Amino acid sequence: MLAGVDHTFNPRFNISVRAGAEVRDIDNFGERTSPYGEATLRYAVDKRTSIAWSNRYGLEEPEFANAPCRTTYRAGVSVSHQSATVITATATLVYAHT
């Protein structure tokens, strides 16, 4: 269950926000419900370069096979640059707190 909004402040800057709840039925662990949210801000530096800051809070798959899912907050920054018509380079740095 998710609801959200996208808003464009100007041709270079926009935001996407989603919030809701997620329900997972996990074998051997039962059902788990958690709030879920995500937000992304995007800014076009110029016609070929953009920066995005993303945030996400919700359930994720476990690191170990016999463990229940985990609640995680992720934040990341991405920089993309289109150097040719078919070539785009992207660098991303992500922080995750579980």
C-alpha atoms as a PDB file:
ATOM      1  CA  MET A   1       0.000   0.000   0.000  1.00  0.00           C
ATOM      2  CA  LEU A   2       1.630   3.162  -1.198  1.00  0.00           C
ATOM      3  CA  ALA A   3       0.642   6.751  -1.961  1.00  0.00           C
ATOM      4  CA  GLY A   4       2.791   9.568  -3.188  1.00  0.00           C
ATOM      5  CA  VAL A   5       3.342  12.728  -5.100  1.00  0.00           C
ATOM      6  CA  ASP A   6       5.702  13.998  -7.780  1.00  0.00           C
ATOM      7  CA  HIS A   7       6.371  17.706  -8.011  1.00  0.00           C
ATOM      8  CA  THR A   8       8.428  19.702 -10.498  1.00  0.00           C
ATOM      9  CA  PHE A   9       9.641  22.985  -9.049  1.00  0.00           C
ATOM     10  CA  ASN A  10      11.213  24.090 -12.326  1.00  0.00           C
ATOM     11  CA  PRO A  11      12.595  22.322 -15.437  1.00  0.00           C
ATOM     12  CA  ARG A  12      15.792  21.422 -13.539  1.00  0.00           C
ATOM     13  CA  PHE A  13      14.515  20.399 -10.096  1.00  0.00           C
ATOM     14  CA  ASN A  14      11.885  17.836  -9.080  1.00  0.00           C
ATOM     15  CA  ILE A  15      10.961  15.631  -6.154  1.00  0.00           C
ATOM     16  CA  SER A  16       9.163  12.293  -5.759  1.00  0.00           C
ATOM     17  CA  VAL A  17       7.770  11.223  -2.369  1.00  0.00           C
ATOM     18  CA  ARG A  18       6.014   7.942  -1.546  1.00  0.00           C
ATOM     19  CA  ALA A  19       4.732   6.676   1.823  1.00  0.00           C
ATOM     20  CA  GLY A  20       2.675   3.775   3.030  1.00  0.00           C
ATOM     21  CA  ALA A  21       2.935   0.383   4.661  1.00  0.00           C
ATOM     22  CA  GLU A  22       4.260  -2.963   3.566  1.00  0.00           C
ATOM     23  CA  VAL A  23       3.224  -6.431   4.673  1.00  0.00           C
ATOM     24  CA  ARG A  24       5.421  -9.481   4.201  1.00  0.00           C
ATOM     25  CA  ASP A  25       4.585 -13.101   4.893  1.00  0.00           C
ATOM     26  CA  ILE A  26       7.883 -14.805   5.712  1.00  0.00           C
ATOM     27  CA  ASP A  27       8.245 -18.590   5.840  1.00  0.00           C
ATOM     28  CA  ASN A  28       8.923 -19.789   9.414  1.00  0.00           C
ATOM     29  CA  PHE A  29       8.626 -16.210  10.774  1.00  0.00           C
ATOM     30  CA  GLY A  30       5.018 -15.256  10.081  1.00  0.00           C
ATOM     31  CA  GLU A  31       3.691 -11.942   8.866  1.00  0.00           C
ATOM     32  CA  ARG A  32       5.518  -8.652   9.376  1.00  0.00           C
ATOM     33  CA  THR A  33       4.116  -5.160   8.817  1.00  0.00           C
ATOM     34  CA  SER A  34       6.222  -2.011   8.649  1.00  0.00           C
ATOM     35  CA  PRO A  35       5.942   1.599   7.517  1.00  0.00           C
ATOM     36  CA  TYR A  36       7.521   2.329   4.153  1.00  0.00           C
ATOM     37  CA  GLY A  37       8.740   5.592   2.698  1.00  0.00           C
ATOM     38  CA  GLU A  38      10.936   6.852  -0.104  1.00  0.00           C
ATOM     39  CA  ALA A  39      11.900  10.251  -1.446  1.00  0.00           C
ATOM     40  CA  THR A  40      14.116  11.343  -4.326  1.00  0.00           C
ATOM     41  CA  LEU A  41      15.272  14.846  -5.218  1.00  0.00           C
ATOM     42  CA  ARG A  42      16.700  15.328  -8.710  1.00  0.00           C
ATOM     43  CA  TYR A  43      18.571  18.334 -10.042  1.00  0.00           C
ATOM     44  CA  ALA A  44      19.797  18.802 -13.604  1.00  0.00           C
ATOM     45  CA  VAL A  45      23.116  20.649 -13.424  1.00  0.00           C
ATOM     46  CA  ASP A  46      23.104  21.075 -17.206  1.00  0.00           C
ATOM     47  CA  LYS A  47      21.704  19.221 -20.230  1.00  0.00           C
ATOM     48  CA  ARG A  48      24.008  16.221 -19.715  1.00  0.00           C
ATOM     49  CA  THR A  49      24.693  16.116 -15.958  1.00  0.00           C
ATOM     50  CA  SER A  50      22.271  15.406 -13.110  1.00  0.00           C
ATOM     51  CA  ILE A  51      22.430  14.774  -9.366  1.00  0.00           C
ATOM     52  CA  ALA A  52      19.927  12.711  -7.365  1.00  0.00           C
ATOM     53  CA  TRP A  53      19.560  12.265  -3.598  1.00  0.00           C
ATOM     54  CA  SER A  54      17.456   9.233  -2.634  1.00  0.00           C
ATOM     55  CA  ASN A  55      16.138   8.068   0.744  1.00  0.00           C
ATOM     56  CA  ARG A  56      14.277   4.859   1.552  1.00  0.00           C
ATOM     57  CA  TYR A  57      12.918   3.310   4.761  1.00  0.00           C
ATOM     58  CA  GLY A  58      11.333  -0.124   4.799  1.00  0.00           C
ATOM     59  CA  LEU A  59      11.734  -3.877   4.978  1.00  0.00           C
ATOM     60  CA  GLU A  60      14.459  -5.651   3.017  1.00  0.00           C
ATOM     61  CA  GLU A  61      15.516  -9.203   2.417  1.00  0.00           C
ATOM     62  CA  PRO A  62      17.770 -10.621   5.162  1.00  0.00           C
ATOM     63  CA  GLU A  63      21.509 -11.133   4.824  1.00  0.00           C
ATOM     64  CA  PHE A  64      21.145 -14.745   5.978  1.00  0.00           C
ATOM     65  CA  ALA A  65      18.792 -17.402   4.581  1.00  0.00           C
ATOM     66  CA  ASN A  66      17.270 -18.385   7.945  1.00  0.00           C
ATOM     67  CA  ALA A  67      16.640 -14.859   9.242  1.00  0.00           C
ATOM     68  CA  PRO A  68      13.532 -12.671   9.125  1.00  0.00           C
ATOM     69  CA  CYS A  69      13.475  -9.566   6.955  1.00  0.00           C
ATOM     70  CA  ARG A  70      15.127  -6.460   8.351  1.00  0.00           C
ATOM     71  CA  THR A  71      14.096  -2.814   8.621  1.00  0.00           C
ATOM     72  CA  THR A  72      16.554  -0.584   6.759  1.00  0.00           C
ATOM     73  CA  TYR A  73      17.105   3.112   6.072  1.00  0.00           C
ATOM     74  CA  ARG A  74      19.082   3.859   2.898  1.00  0.00           C
ATOM     75  CA  ALA A  75      20.333   7.216   1.653  1.00  0.00           C
ATOM     76  CA  GLY A  76      22.295   7.705  -1.524  1.00  0.00           C
ATOM     77  CA  VAL A  77      23.681  10.313  -3.872  1.00  0.00           C
ATOM     78  CA  SER A  78      24.090   9.679  -7.603  1.00  0.00           C
ATOM     79  CA  VAL A  79      25.782  11.780 -10.237  1.00  0.00           C
ATOM     80  CA  SER A  80      25.137  10.962 -13.902  1.00  0.00           C
ATOM     81  CA  HIS A  81      26.848  12.424 -16.929  1.00  0.00           C
ATOM     82  CA  GLN A  82      26.038  11.674 -20.552  1.00  0.00           C
ATOM     83  CA  SER A  83      29.333  11.948 -22.427  1.00  0.00           C
ATOM     84  CA  ALA A  84      27.979  10.810 -25.810  1.00  0.00           C
ATOM     85  CA  THR A  85      24.553  10.078 -27.242  1.00  0.00           C
ATOM     86  CA  VAL A  86      24.714   6.436 -26.118  1.00  0.00           C
ATOM     87  CA  ILE A  87      27.183   6.558 -23.205  1.00  0.00           C
ATOM     88  CA  THR A  88      26.211   7.625 -19.693  1.00  0.00           C
ATOM     89  CA  ALA A  89      28.498   7.352 -16.659  1.00  0.00           C
ATOM     90  CA  THR A  90      26.965   7.178 -13.175  1.00  0.00           C
ATOM     91  CA  ALA A  91      28.657   7.280  -9.767  1.00  0.00           C
ATOM     92  CA  THR A  92      26.640   6.386  -6.677  1.00  0.00           C
ATOM     93  CA  LEU A  93      27.398   6.472  -2.958  1.00  0.00           C
ATOM     94  CA  VAL A  94      24.923   4.731  -0.632  1.00  0.00           C
ATOM     95  CA  TYR A  95      24.654   4.582   3.166  1.00  0.00           C
ATOM     96  CA  ALA A  96      22.524   1.823   4.735  1.00  0.00           C
ATOM     97  CA  HIS A  97      21.522   1.523   8.375  1.00  0.00           C
ATOM     98  CA  THR A  98      19.892  -1.769   9.350  1.00  0.00           C
END
